[in-house]
C-alpha atoms as a PDB file:
ATOM      1  CA  MET A   1      71.091 112.159  16.330  1.00  0.00           C
ATOM      2  CA  ASN A   2      69.045 115.011  14.967  1.00  0.00           C
ATOM      3  CA  PRO A   3      67.130 116.654  17.845  1.00  0.00           C
ATOM      4  CA  ASN A   4      64.035 116.882  15.665  1.00  0.00           C
ATOM      5  CA  ALA A   5      64.204 113.159  14.952  1.00  0.00           C
ATOM      6  CA  MET A   6      64.526 112.408  18.659  1.00  0.00           C
ATOM      7  CA  THR A   7      61.473 114.547  19.394  1.00  0.00           C
ATOM      8  CA  THR A   8      59.490 112.789  16.673  1.00  0.00           C
ATOM      9  CA  THR A   9      60.487 109.351  18.020  1.00  0.00           C
ATOM     10  CA  THR A  10      59.545 110.289  21.593  1.00  0.00           C
ATOM     11  CA  THR A  11      56.177 111.647  20.465  1.00  0.00           C
ATOM     12  CA  THR A  12      55.456 108.484  18.486  1.00  0.00           C
ATOM     13  CA  LEU A  13      56.276 106.295  21.491  1.00  0.00           C
ATOM     14  CA  LEU A  14      53.986 108.350  23.693  1.00  0.00           C
ATOM     15  CA  HIS A  15      51.173 108.022  21.165  1.00  0.00           C
ATOM     16  CA  LEU A  16      51.657 104.245  20.995  1.00  0.00           C
ATOM     17  CA  THR A  17      51.673 103.993  24.764  1.00  0.00           C
ATOM     18  CA  VAL A  18      48.424 105.967  25.030  1.00  0.00           C
ATOM     19  CA  VAL A  19      46.799 103.829  22.347  1.00  0.00           C
ATOM     20  CA  ALA A  20      47.880 100.642  24.138  1.00  0.00           C
ATOM     21  CA  LEU A  21      46.432 101.887  27.418  1.00  0.00           C
ATOM     22  CA  LEU A  22      43.164 102.816  25.741  1.00  0.00           C
ATOM     23  CA  ILE A  23      42.889  99.387  24.142  1.00  0.00           C
ATOM     24  CA  THR A  24      43.550  97.693  27.496  1.00  0.00           C
ATOM     25  CA  ALA A  25      40.951  99.842  29.247  1.00  0.00           C
ATOM     26  CA  ALA A  26      38.385  99.167  26.542  1.00  0.00           C
ATOM     27  CA  ALA A  27      38.997  95.436  26.770  1.00  0.00           C
ATOM     28  CA  SER A  28      38.547  95.423  30.544  1.00  0.00           C
ATOM     29  CA  ASP A  29      35.271  97.364  30.253  1.00  0.00           C
ATOM     30  CA  THR A  30      33.833  95.192  27.500  1.00  0.00           C
ATOM     31  CA  PRO A  31      30.474  93.911  28.781  1.00  0.00           C
ATOM     32  CA  ALA A  32      29.794  90.195  28.900  1.00  0.00           C
ATOM     33  CA  THR A  33      27.912  88.905  25.887  1.00  0.00           C
ATOM     34  CA  ALA A  34      27.227  85.388  27.190  1.00  0.00           C
ATOM     35  CA  TYR A  35      27.385  83.322  30.353  1.00  0.00           C
ATOM     36  CA  ALA A  36      30.520  81.242  30.851  1.00  0.00           C
ATOM     37  CA  ASN A  37      31.632  78.059  32.573  1.00  0.00           C
ATOM     38  CA  HIS A  38      34.985  78.247  34.356  1.00  0.00           C
ATOM     39  CA  THR A  39      36.717  74.926  35.009  1.00  0.00           C
ATOM     40  CA  VAL A  40      38.467  75.482  38.332  1.00  0.00           C
ATOM     41  CA  GLY A  41      42.193  74.823  38.025  1.00  0.00           C
ATOM     42  CA  GLY A  42      41.932  74.082  34.314  1.00  0.00           C
ATOM     43  CA  ASP A  43      43.133  70.595  33.405  1.00  0.00           C
ATOM     44  CA  ALA A  44      44.482  70.069  36.942  1.00  0.00           C
ATOM     45  CA  GLY A  45      40.986  70.178  38.433  1.00  0.00           C
ATOM     46  CA  TRP A  46      40.191  70.720  42.106  1.00  0.00           C
ATOM     47  CA  VAL A  47      42.520  68.110  43.602  1.00  0.00           C
ATOM     48  CA  PHE A  48      44.804  67.894  46.622  1.00  0.00           C
ATOM     49  CA  ASP A  49      47.882  65.671  46.167  1.00  0.00           C
ATOM     50  CA  ALA A  50      48.254  63.660  49.364  1.00  0.00           C
ATOM     51  CA  ASN A  51      51.778  62.599  48.390  1.00  0.00           C
ATOM     52  CA  THR A  52      53.119  66.146  48.233  1.00  0.00           C
ATOM     53  CA  SER A  53      50.564  67.667  50.645  1.00  0.00           C
ATOM     54  CA  LYS A  54      49.918  70.367  48.060  1.00  0.00           C
ATOM     55  CA  PRO A  55      47.221  71.219  45.534  1.00  0.00           C
ATOM     56  CA  THR A  56      47.826  70.118  41.956  1.00  0.00           C
ATOM     57  CA  THR A  57      47.879  73.771  40.828  1.00  0.00           C
ATOM     58  CA  ASN A  58      47.882  77.325  42.150  1.00  0.00           C
ATOM     59  CA  TYR A  59      44.216  78.284  42.333  1.00  0.00           C
ATOM     60  CA  THR A  60      44.869  81.917  43.181  1.00  0.00           C
ATOM     61  CA  SER A  61      46.891  82.313  39.973  1.00  0.00           C
ATOM     62  CA  TRP A  62      44.213  80.494  37.988  1.00  0.00           C
ATOM     63  CA  ALA A  63      41.463  82.806  39.326  1.00  0.00           C
ATOM     64  CA  ALA A  64      43.519  85.934  38.592  1.00  0.00           C
ATOM     65  CA  ASN A  65      43.340  85.162  34.855  1.00  0.00           C
ATOM     66  CA  GLN A  66      39.555  84.799  34.751  1.00  0.00           C
ATOM     67  CA  THR A  67      36.657  87.256  34.516  1.00  0.00           C
ATOM     68  CA  PHE A  68      33.603  86.207  36.499  1.00  0.00           C
ATOM     69  CA  ASN A  69      30.048  87.478  36.060  1.00  0.00           C
ATOM     70  CA  LEU A  70      26.634  86.770  37.512  1.00  0.00           C
ATOM     71  CA  GLY A  71      25.113  83.658  35.974  1.00  0.00           C
ATOM     72  CA  ASP A  72      28.499  82.056  35.253  1.00  0.00           C
ATOM     73  CA  TYR A  73      29.320  78.642  36.704  1.00  0.00           C
ATOM     74  CA  LEU A  74      32.449  77.350  38.376  1.00  0.00           C
ATOM     75  CA  ILE A  75      32.985  73.718  37.395  1.00  0.00           C
ATOM     76  CA  PHE A  76      34.850  71.718  40.037  1.00  0.00           C
ATOM     77  CA  ASN A  77      36.317  68.511  38.575  1.00  0.00           C
ATOM     78  CA  THR A  78      37.235  66.803  41.803  1.00  0.00           C
ATOM     79  CA  ASN A  79      36.611  63.750  43.981  1.00  0.00           C
ATOM     80  CA  THR A  80      35.299  63.069  47.441  1.00  0.00           C
ATOM     81  CA  ASN A  81      38.785  63.488  48.963  1.00  0.00           C
ATOM     82  CA  GLN A  82      38.182  67.254  48.761  1.00  0.00           C
ATOM     83  CA  SER A  83      35.245  69.431  49.701  1.00  0.00           C
ATOM     84  CA  VAL A  84      33.850  72.481  47.926  1.00  0.00           C
ATOM     85  CA  ILE A  85      32.925  75.320  50.269  1.00  0.00           C
ATOM     86  CA  GLN A  86      31.552  78.596  48.930  1.00  0.00           C
ATOM     87  CA  THR A  87      31.265  81.516  51.325  1.00  0.00           C
ATOM     88  CA  TYR A  88      30.704  85.249  51.208  1.00  0.00           C
ATOM     89  CA  SER A  89      32.326  85.682  54.622  1.00  0.00           C
ATOM     90  CA  GLU A  90      35.984  86.640  54.646  1.00  0.00           C
ATOM     91  CA  THR A  91      36.163  85.513  58.286  1.00  0.00           C
ATOM     92  CA  THR A  92      35.009  82.004  57.406  1.00  0.00           C
ATOM     93  CA  PHE A  93      37.410  81.916  54.467  1.00  0.00           C
ATOM     94  CA  SER A  94      40.377  83.038  56.576  1.00  0.00           C
ATOM     95  CA  SER A  95      39.634  80.436  59.262  1.00  0.00           C
ATOM     96  CA  CYS A  96      39.486  77.560  56.696  1.00  0.00           C
ATOM     97  CA  SER A  97      36.574  76.230  58.716  1.00  0.00           C
ATOM     98  CA  THR A  98      32.780  76.267  58.615  1.00  0.00           C
ATOM     99  CA  ASP A  99      32.387  75.724  62.369  1.00  0.00           C
ATOM    100  CA  ASP A 100      31.205  79.288  62.995  1.00  0.00           C
ATOM    101  CA  ALA A 101      29.746  79.913  59.547  1.00  0.00           C
ATOM    102  CA  SER A 102      26.203  81.116  58.993  1.00  0.00           C
ATOM    103  CA  ASP A 103      23.716  79.245  56.830  1.00  0.00           C
ATOM    104  CA  ASN A 104      23.005  82.565  55.130  1.00  0.00           C
ATOM    105  CA  ASP A 105      26.512  83.087  53.740  1.00  0.00           C
ATOM    106  CA  THR A 106      28.164  79.668  53.402  1.00  0.00           C
ATOM    107  CA  LEU A 107      27.326  76.691  51.176  1.00  0.00           C
ATOM    108  CA  HIS A 108      28.810  73.189  51.243  1.00  0.00           C
ATOM    109  CA  TYR A 109      28.720  71.222  47.982  1.00  0.00           C
ATOM    110  CA  ASN A 110      29.403  67.501  48.017  1.00  0.00           C
ATOM    111  CA  GLY A 111      27.599  66.250  44.911  1.00  0.00           C
ATOM    112  CA  GLY A 112      25.597  63.815  47.030  1.00  0.00           C
ATOM    113  CA  ALA A 113      28.389  61.185  47.069  1.00  0.00           C
ATOM    114  CA  THR A 114      29.626  59.503  50.256  1.00  0.00           C
ATOM    115  CA  GLU A 115      32.152  57.001  48.847  1.00  0.00           C
ATOM    116  CA  PHE A 116      35.767  58.027  49.511  1.00  0.00           C
ATOM    117  CA  GLY A 117      37.792  58.841  46.374  1.00  0.00           C
ATOM    118  CA  LYS A 118      34.769  58.925  44.053  1.00  0.00           C
ATOM    119  CA  SER A 119      35.147  61.295  41.075  1.00  0.00           C
ATOM    120  CA  LEU A 120      32.755  64.227  41.010  1.00  0.00           C
ATOM    121  CA  THR A 121      31.874  67.178  38.828  1.00  0.00           C
ATOM    122  CA  ILE A 122      30.270  69.931  40.900  1.00  0.00           C
ATOM    123  CA  PRO A 123      28.782  73.006  39.166  1.00  0.00           C
ATOM    124  CA  VAL A 124      28.533  76.099  41.369  1.00  0.00           C
ATOM    125  CA  PRO A 125      26.507  79.086  40.095  1.00  0.00           C
ATOM    126  CA  LEU A 126      27.667  82.640  40.778  1.00  0.00           C
ATOM    127  CA  THR A 127      24.607  84.488  42.063  1.00  0.00           C
ATOM    128  CA  ILE A 128      25.995  87.358  44.157  1.00  0.00           C
ATOM    129  CA  THR A 129      28.273  90.157  42.995  1.00  0.00           C
ATOM    130  CA  GLY A 130      31.443  91.081  44.836  1.00  0.00           C
ATOM    131  CA  PRO A 131      33.843  88.824  46.730  1.00  0.00           C
ATOM    132  CA  ASN A 132      33.161  85.075  46.596  1.00  0.00           C
ATOM    133  CA  TYR A 133      35.465  82.706  48.474  1.00  0.00           C
ATOM    134  CA  PHE A 134      36.088  78.998  47.870  1.00  0.00           C
ATOM    135  CA  PHE A 135      38.061  76.427  49.830  1.00  0.00           C
ATOM    136  CA  SER A 136      38.293  72.796  50.922  1.00  0.00           C
ATOM    137  CA  ASP A 137      37.920  72.214  54.661  1.00  0.00           C
ATOM    138  CA  VAL A 138      39.045  68.563  54.624  1.00  0.00           C
ATOM    139  CA  ASP A 139      41.453  67.420  57.368  1.00  0.00           C
ATOM    140  CA  ASP A 140      40.292  70.169  59.721  1.00  0.00           C
ATOM    141  CA  GLY A 141      41.229  72.853  57.218  1.00  0.00           C
ATOM    142  CA  VAL A 142      44.712  71.532  56.405  1.00  0.00           C
ATOM    143  CA  GLN A 143      43.940  71.404  52.669  1.00  0.00           C
ATOM    144  CA  CYS A 144      42.739  75.007  52.731  1.00  0.00           C
ATOM    145  CA  GLN A 145      45.801  76.143  54.678  1.00  0.00           C
ATOM    146  CA  SER A 146      47.990  74.374  52.121  1.00  0.00           C
ATOM    147  CA  GLY A 147      46.512  76.241  49.157  1.00  0.00           C
ATOM    148  CA  MET A 148      43.137  74.655  48.395  1.00  0.00           C
ATOM    149  CA  ALA A 149      41.495  78.073  48.465  1.00  0.00           C
ATOM    150  CA  PHE A 150      40.932  81.079  46.240  1.00  0.00           C
ATOM    151  CA  GLU A 151      38.985  84.322  46.069  1.00  0.00           C
ATOM    152  CA  ILE A 152      37.170  85.811  43.084  1.00  0.00           C
ATOM    153  CA  SER A 153      35.287  89.024  42.393  1.00  0.00           C
ATOM    154  CA  VAL A 154      31.987  88.601  40.570  1.00  0.00           C
ATOM    155  CA  ASN A 155      30.828  91.356  38.221  1.00  0.00           C
ATOM    156  CA  HIS A 156      27.228  92.100  37.265  1.00  0.00           C
ATOM    157  CA  GLY A 157      27.685  91.196  33.585  1.00  0.00           C
ATOM    158  CA  LEU A 158      24.348  90.265  32.035  1.00  0.00           C
ATOM    159  CA  GLY A 159      22.735  89.798  35.414  1.00  0.00           C
ATOM    160  CA  LEU A 160      21.177  86.561  36.593  1.00  0.00           C
ATOM    161  CA  PRO A 161      19.407  84.415  33.987  1.00  0.00           C
ATOM    162  CA  PRO A 162      15.757  83.516  34.702  1.00  0.00           C
ATOM    163  CA  SER A 163      16.777  80.033  35.847  1.00  0.00           C
ATOM    164  CA  LEU A 164      18.786  81.527  38.724  1.00  0.00           C
ATOM    165  CA  ASN A 165      16.694  84.641  39.343  1.00  0.00           C
ATOM    166  CA  GLN A 166      13.871  83.152  41.360  1.00  0.00           C
ATOM    167  CA  PRO A 167      12.062  85.146  44.074  1.00  0.00           C
ATOM    168  CA  PRO A 168      12.647  83.975  47.634  1.00  0.00           C
ATOM    169  CA  PRO A 169       9.911  81.797  49.156  1.00  0.00           C
ATOM    170  CA  PRO A 170       7.282  83.605  51.262  1.00  0.00           C
ATOM    171  CA  PRO A 171       7.919  83.736  55.006  1.00  0.00           C
ATOM    172  CA  TYR A 172       6.652  80.749  56.963  1.00  0.00           C
ATOM    173  CA  VAL A 173       3.391  81.339  58.833  1.00  0.00           C
ATOM    174  CA  ALA A 174       2.465  78.760  61.449  1.00  0.00           C
ATOM    175  CA  PRO A 175      -1.067  77.328  61.113  1.00  0.00           C
ATOM    176  CA  PRO A 176      -3.513  78.294  63.888  1.00  0.00           C
ATOM    177  CA  GLY A 177      -3.534  75.978  66.890  1.00  0.00           C
ATOM    178  CA  PRO A 178      -6.583  74.490  68.647  1.00  0.00           C
ATOM    179  CA  ASP A 179      -6.681  77.398  71.108  1.00  0.00           C
ATOM    180  CA  ASP A 180      -6.853  79.908  68.256  1.00  0.00           C
ATOM    181  CA  ALA A 181      -9.874  78.288  66.600  1.00  0.00           C
ATOM    182  CA  GLN A 182     -13.245  80.006  67.155  1.00  0.00           C
ATOM    183  CA  SER A 183     -16.547  78.174  66.931  1.00  0.00           C
ATOM    184  CA  PRO A 184     -19.145  79.766  64.634  1.00  0.00           C
ATOM    185  CA  PRO A 185     -22.160  81.339  66.371  1.00  0.00           C
ATOM    186  CA  ILE A 186     -25.211  79.112  66.743  1.00  0.00           C
ATOM    187  CA  THR A 187     -28.590  80.663  65.950  1.00  0.00           C
ATOM    188  CA  ILE A 188     -32.003  79.414  67.007  1.00  0.00           C
ATOM    189  CA  ASN A 189     -34.914  80.426  64.801  1.00  0.00           C
ATOM    190  CA  GLY A 190     -32.869  83.252  63.396  1.00  0.00           C
ATOM    191  CA  ALA A 191     -32.120  84.848  66.773  1.00  0.00           C
ATOM    192  CA  SER A 192     -28.792  85.032  68.502  1.00  0.00           C
ATOM    193  CA  PRO A 193     -28.193  82.524  71.316  1.00  0.00           C
ATOM    194  CA  SER A 194     -28.059  85.217  73.982  1.00  0.00           C
ATOM    195  CA  LEU A 195     -31.368  86.834  72.988  1.00  0.00           C
ATOM    196  CA  GLU A 196     -33.206  83.537  72.503  1.00  0.00           C
ATOM    197  CA  ASN A 197     -32.000  82.067  75.777  1.00  0.00           C
ATOM    198  CA  GLY A 198     -32.915  85.275  77.572  1.00  0.00           C
ATOM    199  CA  ALA A 199     -36.411  85.164  76.149  1.00  0.00           C
ATOM    200  CA  LEU A 200     -36.871  81.587  77.297  1.00  0.00           C
ATOM    201  CA  ARG A 201     -35.694  82.460  80.788  1.00  0.00           C
ATOM    202  CA  SER A 202     -38.147  85.397  80.922  1.00  0.00           C
ATOM    203  CA  SER A 203     -41.118  83.181  79.967  1.00  0.00           C
ATOM    204  CA  ALA A 204     -40.184  80.649  82.618  1.00  0.00           C
ATOM    205  CA  ASN A 205     -40.025  83.386  85.272  1.00  0.00           C
ATOM    206  CA  VAL A 206     -43.512  84.666  84.375  1.00  0.00           C
ATOM    207  CA  ARG A 207     -45.039  81.186  84.697  1.00  0.00           C
ATOM    208  CA  VAL A 208     -43.510  80.788  88.131  1.00  0.00           C
ATOM    209  CA  LEU A 209     -44.504  84.232  89.472  1.00  0.00           C
ATOM    210  CA  LEU A 210     -48.101  84.309  88.135  1.00  0.00           C
ATOM    211  CA  PRO A 211     -49.585  81.751  90.624  1.00  0.00           C
ATOM    212  CA  LEU A 212     -47.810  83.497  93.495  1.00  0.00           C
ATOM    213  CA  LEU A 213     -49.327  86.839  92.549  1.00  0.00           C
ATOM    214  CA  LEU A 214     -52.826  85.373  92.261  1.00  0.00           C
ATOM    215  CA  PHE A 215     -52.488  83.714  95.668  1.00  0.00           C
ATOM    216  CA  GLY A 216     -51.380  86.995  97.195  1.00  0.00           C
ATOM    217  CA  VAL A 217     -54.329  88.894  95.733  1.00  0.00           C
ATOM    218  CA  ALA A 218     -56.808  86.266  96.971  1.00  0.00           C
ATOM    219  CA  SER A 219     -55.380  86.390 100.483  1.00  0.00           C
ATOM    220  CA  PHE A 220     -55.609  90.190 100.522  1.00  0.00           C
ATOM    221  CA  LEU A 221     -59.276  90.208  99.509  1.00  0.00           C
ATOM    222  CA  ALA A 222     -60.181  87.635 102.075  1.00  0.00           C
END
């Protein structure tokens, strides 16, 4: 083969490779233009097959093919034979248990149903960027240990929509108790209680002392 032709072919391949890499990078950096709903597991749903003791699909592989952003929803098509646990704690996720989980970083969704085997659709909003973990803790974590678990990374995207971007409630302040209540001052004829009462006591003292003084003066003159 002509050396010049080989050089031209190699250069062309390099150019195509660079173009392909640039296209891939641009696609990965494309900002979100709308919020999305992600049906967990696709058509398989969020289901654990008791006959095979395995999930109906590989949820880690499913999550790897998705792009998640703030404001998106995960849609769990499931039933009451599974649970839906969302946590931001890797420790809780790794343990497949909520026994030591904090209320601040772990949420348990059950759709409000208590009947065993009842079909459910549970929407879970993505409201915090970074790692989000999901698992089922049924059967003391056996479902989770058998594959009913996956991790996702949530990007900022468009940010939270107004419906999910609510300010936290103000801190709770306990109402004052009976011991903290103060009675309003009582005034008599516009004067403070202490001054008025003192004036009354002074008048009473004068009335008592005046006869004694007069008696003493009369005795002295006699």
